[in-house]
């Protein structure tokens, strides 16, 4: 693919929240043209701008069924924005086609098919291709992403948590057992399909924990943190639902292996992320805020040292840095474009 040619992109699963955000980003990407929008069932034949009126006059493409030969013929890059456990039933048909594939579901993030089955309750339908996927956290796996043909885009909770912990884990500065993670997420993280718990009267003016120490993202987080630490990492993860549309705020508590001044740790984070366009380390004693990352691909990180304990705080937009924005960042890396292309 030539840099000066428009890259043809298809989005499979275009009518979920992640698909909608992805389309909006791609519309502003100077090197991309959207060639096809594919959906599974009831929205086949509908115009995307009828489903999302905000796109009227911007993207009036009709949603088609998932026609594998046609999508292959019309695409250089294919994004999969399908639900977990569904994506793996379609992706195998596109493998070996020399197309770049970026999957936004969880289906190719876990390295073990057995762990996947234990986590999601179903057998993995594409065990053969699990080793072919590169975990798409640019700030950790950039070198592998550059040469990859298939990307497993990270989950939303894992993105903010992994970016917050990466510098101290790689430096060996914290204990790797019993890292406590408290995350607050907006309602859009549950997807577009209506569910009783996310009905407005249920979640408005409310805050509740859910899937306590049993959330499906926990194995993914531990898997990737263990790679960063080069040893097993154990977290205690409690997510909470808050009455916001978008955003994830994570507060992480870890024990330092030796006394370290807060300013020294801040310098470590600033040095580690100084070349990263989408990670912002906040000045001493400043706290991230969701409103400052909403509708952006940024991850804001703050920190505080209390005795021999480290408190890390991170904020991301779950639909952008936690999904579609990161997917486009990965696309840019794979194609050799500046990572900020279409994202700033």
Protein backbone atom coordinates (compact mmCIF):
# COMPACT_ATOMS: atom_id res chain seq x y z
CA UNK A 1 0.00 0.00 0.00
CA UNK A 2 1.40 3.34 -1.06
CA UNK A 3 1.41 6.19 1.40
CA UNK A 4 0.03 8.63 -1.14
CA UNK A 5 -2.91 6.36 -2.00
CA UNK A 6 -6.19 6.38 -0.13
CA UNK A 7 -6.42 3.33 2.09
CA UNK A 8 -9.73 1.49 1.68
CA UNK A 9 -11.22 0.64 5.05
CA UNK A 10 -14.19 -1.51 5.97
CA UNK A 11 -15.87 -1.55 9.37
CA UNK A 12 -17.55 -4.81 10.37
CA UNK A 13 -19.99 -4.09 13.17
CA UNK A 14 -20.38 -0.43 12.31
CA UNK A 15 -23.51 0.32 14.32
CA UNK A 16 -22.28 -0.21 17.88
CA UNK A 17 -20.86 2.65 19.90
CA UNK A 18 -17.28 1.70 19.03
CA UNK A 19 -18.17 1.40 15.35
CA UNK A 20 -19.88 4.79 15.39
CA UNK A 21 -16.87 6.45 17.01
CA UNK A 22 -14.53 4.69 14.58
CA UNK A 23 -16.45 5.95 11.57
CA UNK A 24 -16.36 9.51 12.93
CA UNK A 25 -12.58 9.31 13.33
CA UNK A 26 -12.02 7.73 9.91
CA UNK A 27 -14.05 10.47 8.23
CA UNK A 28 -11.35 12.94 9.34
CA UNK A 29 -8.39 10.73 8.46
CA UNK A 30 -6.67 12.23 5.40
CA UNK A 31 -5.34 8.94 4.04
CA UNK A 32 -8.43 6.78 4.46
CA UNK A 33 -11.66 6.22 2.59
CA UNK A 34 -14.49 4.12 4.04
CA UNK A 35 -15.41 1.50 1.47
CA UNK A 36 -17.93 -0.66 3.30
CA UNK A 37 -19.96 -0.78 6.50
CA UNK A 38 -21.09 -4.28 7.44
CA UNK A 39 -23.47 -5.44 10.16
CA UNK A 40 -24.78 -8.76 11.39
CA UNK A 41 -28.55 -8.68 11.08
CA UNK A 42 -31.41 -6.26 11.69
CA UNK A 43 -29.69 -3.11 10.45
CA UNK A 44 -28.73 -4.53 7.05
CA UNK A 45 -30.04 -2.17 4.36
CA UNK A 46 -30.27 0.85 6.62
CA UNK A 47 -28.24 3.99 5.97
CA UNK A 48 -25.75 4.67 8.74
CA UNK A 49 -26.85 8.29 8.94
CA UNK A 50 -30.42 7.14 9.58
CA UNK A 51 -29.19 5.12 12.55
CA UNK A 52 -26.90 7.94 13.72
CA UNK A 53 -28.38 11.22 12.42
CA UNK A 54 -25.23 13.10 13.50
CA UNK A 55 -23.60 11.57 10.40
CA UNK A 56 -26.19 12.95 7.96
CA UNK A 57 -24.32 14.29 4.95
CA UNK A 58 -21.04 12.98 6.35
CA UNK A 59 -21.47 9.23 5.99
CA UNK A 60 -24.60 8.11 4.17
CA UNK A 61 -23.33 4.64 3.27
CA UNK A 62 -25.79 1.77 3.47
CA UNK A 63 -25.02 -1.00 5.94
CA UNK A 64 -24.58 -4.35 4.22
CA UNK A 65 -24.41 -7.94 5.37
CA UNK A 66 -20.98 -9.41 6.11
CA UNK A 67 -20.08 -10.54 2.59
CA UNK A 68 -16.54 -11.88 2.97
CA UNK A 69 -15.50 -11.89 -0.73
CA UNK A 70 -16.85 -8.37 -1.29
CA UNK A 71 -15.25 -6.96 1.84
CA UNK A 72 -11.92 -8.51 0.85
CA UNK A 73 -12.22 -7.10 -2.66
CA UNK A 74 -13.03 -3.58 -1.48
CA UNK A 75 -10.68 -3.29 1.51
CA UNK A 76 -7.06 -2.83 2.46
CA UNK A 77 -7.84 -2.65 6.17
CA UNK A 78 -10.72 -4.27 8.04
CA UNK A 79 -11.84 -3.23 11.52
CA UNK A 80 -13.99 -5.64 13.52
CA UNK A 81 -16.27 -3.91 16.03
CA UNK A 82 -18.29 -7.01 16.85
CA UNK A 83 -19.28 -8.22 20.33
CA UNK A 84 -17.02 -10.50 22.34
CA UNK A 85 -17.42 -14.17 21.33
CA UNK A 86 -18.86 -13.10 17.95
CA UNK A 87 -15.78 -11.63 16.29
CA UNK A 88 -13.87 -14.93 16.33
CA UNK A 89 -16.55 -16.54 14.15
CA UNK A 90 -15.91 -14.05 11.32
CA UNK A 91 -12.21 -13.17 11.57
CA UNK A 92 -10.91 -16.59 10.37
CA UNK A 93 -12.52 -16.01 6.94
CA UNK A 94 -10.28 -12.97 6.46
CA UNK A 95 -7.01 -14.50 7.63
CA UNK A 96 -4.36 -15.07 4.97
CA UNK A 97 -5.90 -12.45 2.67
CA UNK A 98 -3.01 -9.96 3.08
CA UNK A 99 -5.47 -7.47 4.53
CA UNK A 100 -4.66 -5.65 7.75
CA UNK A 101 -7.09 -6.77 10.46
CA UNK A 102 -7.79 -4.87 13.68
CA UNK A 103 -10.18 -6.54 16.11
CA UNK A 104 -11.76 -4.39 18.82
CA UNK A 105 -13.35 -7.30 20.67
CA UNK A 106 -11.67 -9.40 23.36
CA UNK A 107 -11.50 -12.48 21.17
CA UNK A 108 -7.79 -12.31 20.35
CA UNK A 109 -6.38 -10.51 23.39
CA UNK A 110 -5.79 -13.51 25.63
CA UNK A 111 -2.83 -15.70 24.74
CA UNK A 112 -4.46 -18.91 25.95
CA UNK A 113 -7.60 -20.50 24.53
CA UNK A 114 -8.16 -22.19 27.88
CA UNK A 115 -8.01 -18.86 29.70
CA UNK A 116 -10.42 -17.41 27.14
CA UNK A 117 -12.92 -20.20 27.79
CA UNK A 118 -12.63 -19.77 31.55
CA UNK A 119 -13.15 -16.01 31.18
CA UNK A 120 -15.91 -15.80 28.58
CA UNK A 121 -17.63 -19.12 29.16
CA UNK A 122 -17.33 -20.42 25.59
CA UNK A 123 -14.70 -22.38 23.73
CA UNK A 124 -12.52 -20.25 21.46
CA UNK A 125 -13.64 -20.78 17.85
CA UNK A 126 -10.30 -19.79 16.31
CA UNK A 127 -7.51 -21.23 18.44
CA UNK A 128 -5.35 -21.57 15.33
CA UNK A 129 -4.94 -17.81 14.85
CA UNK A 130 -4.56 -16.67 18.46
CA UNK A 131 -0.73 -16.57 18.18
CA UNK A 132 -0.96 -14.39 15.05
CA UNK A 133 -2.44 -11.39 16.86
CA UNK A 134 -0.32 -8.64 18.40
CA UNK A 135 -1.71 -6.91 21.48
CA UNK A 136 -2.22 -3.35 20.32
CA UNK A 137 -1.09 -1.15 23.19
CA UNK A 138 1.19 1.24 21.24
CA UNK A 139 3.06 2.54 24.26
CA UNK A 140 4.22 -1.00 25.06
CA UNK A 141 4.11 -2.98 21.82
CA UNK A 142 4.94 -0.39 19.16
CA UNK A 143 7.78 -2.39 17.57
CA UNK A 144 5.57 -5.46 17.11
CA UNK A 145 2.62 -3.40 15.88
CA UNK A 146 4.75 -1.86 13.11
CA UNK A 147 5.22 -5.21 11.39
CA UNK A 148 1.93 -6.85 12.37
CA UNK A 149 -0.89 -7.81 10.02
CA UNK A 150 -3.39 -8.59 12.77
CA UNK A 151 -4.02 -6.54 15.91
CA UNK A 152 -5.99 -7.33 19.06
CA UNK A 153 -7.05 -3.90 20.26
CA UNK A 154 -6.86 -3.65 24.08
CA UNK A 155 -9.90 -3.36 26.30
CA UNK A 156 -10.96 -0.07 27.82
CA UNK A 157 -10.27 -0.86 31.49
CA UNK A 158 -6.94 -2.52 30.62
CA UNK A 159 -5.71 0.48 28.62
CA UNK A 160 -5.91 3.01 31.44
CA UNK A 161 -4.67 0.57 34.08
CA UNK A 162 -1.75 -0.79 32.04
CA UNK A 163 -0.53 2.66 31.02
CA UNK A 164 -0.63 3.82 34.63
CA UNK A 165 1.39 0.86 35.92
CA UNK A 166 3.86 0.30 33.07
CA UNK A 167 6.72 2.58 34.22
CA UNK A 168 6.91 1.29 37.79
CA UNK A 169 6.48 -2.35 36.78
CA UNK A 170 9.22 -2.15 34.17
CA UNK A 171 11.49 -0.45 36.70
CA UNK A 172 10.71 -3.10 39.34
CA UNK A 173 9.66 -0.49 41.89
CA UNK A 174 6.42 -1.99 43.24
CA UNK A 175 5.28 -5.28 44.70
CA UNK A 176 3.54 -7.36 42.05
CA UNK A 177 1.01 -9.04 44.32
CA UNK A 178 -2.23 -7.53 45.58
CA UNK A 179 -2.26 -4.39 43.44
CA UNK A 180 -5.65 -2.85 44.15
CA UNK A 181 -7.54 -1.26 41.24
CA UNK A 182 -10.74 0.75 41.65
CA UNK A 183 -12.23 1.85 38.31
CA UNK A 184 -15.28 3.95 37.51
CA UNK A 185 -16.85 3.63 34.07
CA UNK A 186 -19.58 5.37 32.13
CA UNK A 187 -22.60 3.53 30.77
CA UNK A 188 -21.44 3.40 27.14
CA UNK A 189 -18.91 0.74 28.14
CA UNK A 190 -21.78 -1.74 28.26
CA UNK A 191 -22.49 -1.29 24.55
CA UNK A 192 -25.48 -0.07 22.56
CA UNK A 193 -27.77 -3.05 23.11
CA UNK A 194 -30.29 -2.12 25.84
CA UNK A 195 -29.96 -3.90 29.19
CA UNK A 196 -32.06 -3.31 32.34
CA UNK A 197 -29.12 -2.32 34.54
CA UNK A 198 -28.23 0.55 32.18
CA UNK A 199 -31.77 1.87 31.82
CA UNK A 200 -31.75 5.56 32.79
CA UNK A 201 -33.88 5.24 35.95
CA UNK A 202 -31.64 2.40 37.15
CA UNK A 203 -28.23 4.02 36.76
CA UNK A 204 -29.01 7.73 37.13
CA UNK A 205 -28.18 9.18 40.55
CA UNK A 206 -26.55 5.89 41.46
CA UNK A 207 -23.10 4.35 41.86
CA UNK A 208 -22.60 0.64 42.16
CA UNK A 209 -19.82 -1.92 41.98
CA UNK A 210 -20.31 -4.85 39.63
CA UNK A 211 -18.46 -8.08 38.74
CA UNK A 212 -16.37 -7.59 41.86
CA UNK A 213 -13.05 -9.42 41.43
CA UNK A 214 -14.63 -11.34 38.53
CA UNK A 215 -14.64 -8.90 35.61
CA UNK A 216 -13.71 -10.39 32.23
CA UNK A 217 -10.95 -7.80 31.72
CA UNK A 218 -9.01 -8.90 34.80
CA UNK A 219 -7.18 -11.81 33.09
CA UNK A 220 -6.22 -9.52 30.20
CA UNK A 221 -4.86 -6.90 32.60
CA UNK A 222 -2.85 -9.45 34.58
CA UNK A 223 -1.52 -11.05 31.40
CA UNK A 224 -0.14 -7.78 30.04
CA UNK A 225 1.09 -6.40 33.38
CA UNK A 226 3.00 -9.64 33.88
CA UNK A 227 4.77 -9.07 30.56
CA UNK A 228 5.70 -5.55 31.67
CA UNK A 229 7.04 -6.77 35.01
CA UNK A 230 8.61 -9.90 33.54
CA UNK A 231 7.02 -11.79 36.43
CA UNK A 232 3.53 -12.74 37.58
CA UNK A 233 1.34 -9.78 38.56
CA UNK A 234 -1.80 -10.14 40.65
CA UNK A 235 -4.46 -7.44 40.87
CA UNK A 236 -7.66 -7.05 42.85
CA UNK A 237 -9.98 -5.28 40.44
CA UNK A 238 -13.31 -3.70 41.33
CA UNK A 239 -15.15 -1.80 38.57
CA UNK A 240 -18.00 0.61 39.32
CA UNK A 241 -20.76 1.96 37.12
CA UNK A 242 -21.31 5.71 37.36
CA UNK A 243 -24.06 7.74 35.66
CA UNK A 244 -21.90 9.16 32.86
CA UNK A 245 -22.06 8.46 29.16
CA UNK A 246 -18.34 7.95 28.63
CA UNK A 247 -15.02 7.77 30.41
CA UNK A 248 -13.03 5.51 32.74
CA UNK A 249 -11.27 6.76 35.87
CA UNK A 250 -8.97 4.27 37.60
CA UNK A 251 -7.38 4.63 41.02
CA UNK A 252 -4.59 2.12 41.65
CA UNK A 253 -2.92 1.32 44.97
CA UNK A 254 0.50 -0.38 45.04
CA UNK A 255 3.22 -0.97 47.64
CA UNK A 256 6.67 0.40 46.87
CA UNK A 257 9.63 -1.95 47.28
CA UNK A 258 11.72 0.89 48.73
CA UNK A 259 11.05 4.46 49.81
CA UNK A 260 10.98 6.71 46.74
CA UNK A 261 10.27 10.46 46.73
CA UNK A 262 7.19 11.46 44.78
CA UNK A 263 9.24 13.84 42.63
CA UNK A 264 11.54 10.98 41.62
CA UNK A 265 8.60 8.87 40.49
CA UNK A 266 7.10 11.80 38.64
CA UNK A 267 10.40 12.24 36.80
CA UNK A 268 10.36 8.52 35.92
CA UNK A 269 6.88 8.84 34.40
CA UNK A 270 7.75 12.01 32.52
CA UNK A 271 10.84 10.36 31.06
CA UNK A 272 9.04 7.12 30.20
CA UNK A 273 6.23 8.87 28.33
CA UNK A 274 7.99 11.96 26.99
CA UNK A 275 7.80 10.75 23.37
CA UNK A 276 4.24 9.43 23.63
CA UNK A 277 1.74 11.72 21.90
CA UNK A 278 -1.31 10.46 23.80
CA UNK A 279 -0.08 9.97 27.36
CA UNK A 280 0.00 13.09 29.51
CA UNK A 281 1.72 12.99 32.89
CA UNK A 282 0.21 15.64 35.10
CA UNK A 283 2.35 18.00 37.20
CA UNK A 284 3.03 17.23 40.84
CA UNK A 285 -0.14 16.70 42.92
CA UNK A 286 -2.52 17.32 40.00
CA UNK A 287 -5.37 14.84 39.58
CA UNK A 288 -6.76 13.69 36.20
CA UNK A 289 -10.33 14.55 35.31
CA UNK A 290 -12.58 12.73 32.89
CA UNK A 291 -13.78 15.94 31.28
CA UNK A 292 -10.22 16.64 30.13
CA UNK A 293 -9.97 13.41 28.12
CA UNK A 294 -13.55 13.05 26.90
CA UNK A 295 -13.82 12.63 23.12
CA UNK A 296 -10.04 12.35 22.84
CA UNK A 297 -7.35 9.68 22.52
CA UNK A 298 -5.46 10.94 25.58
CA UNK A 299 -4.67 9.08 28.77
CA UNK A 300 -3.99 11.46 31.67
CA UNK A 301 -1.99 10.06 34.60
CA UNK A 302 -1.32 11.49 38.05
CA UNK A 303 0.43 9.99 41.08
CA UNK A 304 0.81 10.40 44.82
CA UNK A 305 3.20 8.77 47.30
CA UNK A 306 1.97 8.12 50.84
CA UNK A 307 4.71 6.50 52.93
CA UNK A 308 5.60 3.25 51.22
CA UNK A 309 2.47 3.23 49.06
CA UNK A 310 1.95 4.59 45.56
CA UNK A 311 -1.41 5.86 44.35
CA UNK A 312 -1.81 6.09 40.58
CA UNK A 313 -4.74 7.78 38.86
CA UNK A 314 -5.60 7.54 35.18
CA UNK A 315 -8.40 8.86 33.00
CA UNK A 316 -9.36 7.88 29.46
CA UNK A 317 -12.34 8.04 27.15
CA UNK A 318 -13.45 4.41 26.99
CA UNK A 319 -14.72 4.74 23.41
CA UNK A 320 -11.64 6.53 22.03
CA UNK A 321 -8.35 5.61 23.74
CA UNK A 322 -10.19 2.59 25.14
CA UNK A 323 -11.42 1.44 21.73
CA UNK A 324 -11.72 3.25 18.38
CA UNK A 325 -9.08 5.94 18.79
CA UNK A 326 -6.50 3.39 19.85
CA UNK A 327 -7.52 1.22 16.88
CA UNK A 328 -6.77 4.13 14.52
CA UNK A 329 -3.51 4.80 16.37
CA UNK A 330 -2.59 1.18 15.63
CA UNK A 331 -3.61 1.62 12.00
CA UNK A 332 -1.29 4.62 11.72
CA UNK A 333 1.62 2.67 13.17
CA UNK A 334 1.02 -0.28 10.83
CA UNK A 335 0.91 1.97 7.78
CA UNK A 336 3.76 4.27 8.79
CA UNK A 337 1.69 7.41 9.28
CA UNK A 338 2.25 9.79 12.20
CA UNK A 339 0.37 8.28 15.13
CA UNK A 340 -1.68 11.42 15.63
CA UNK A 341 -3.11 11.33 12.09
CA UNK A 342 -6.89 11.67 12.29
CA UNK A 343 -6.73 11.82 16.07
CA UNK A 344 -5.68 15.42 16.77
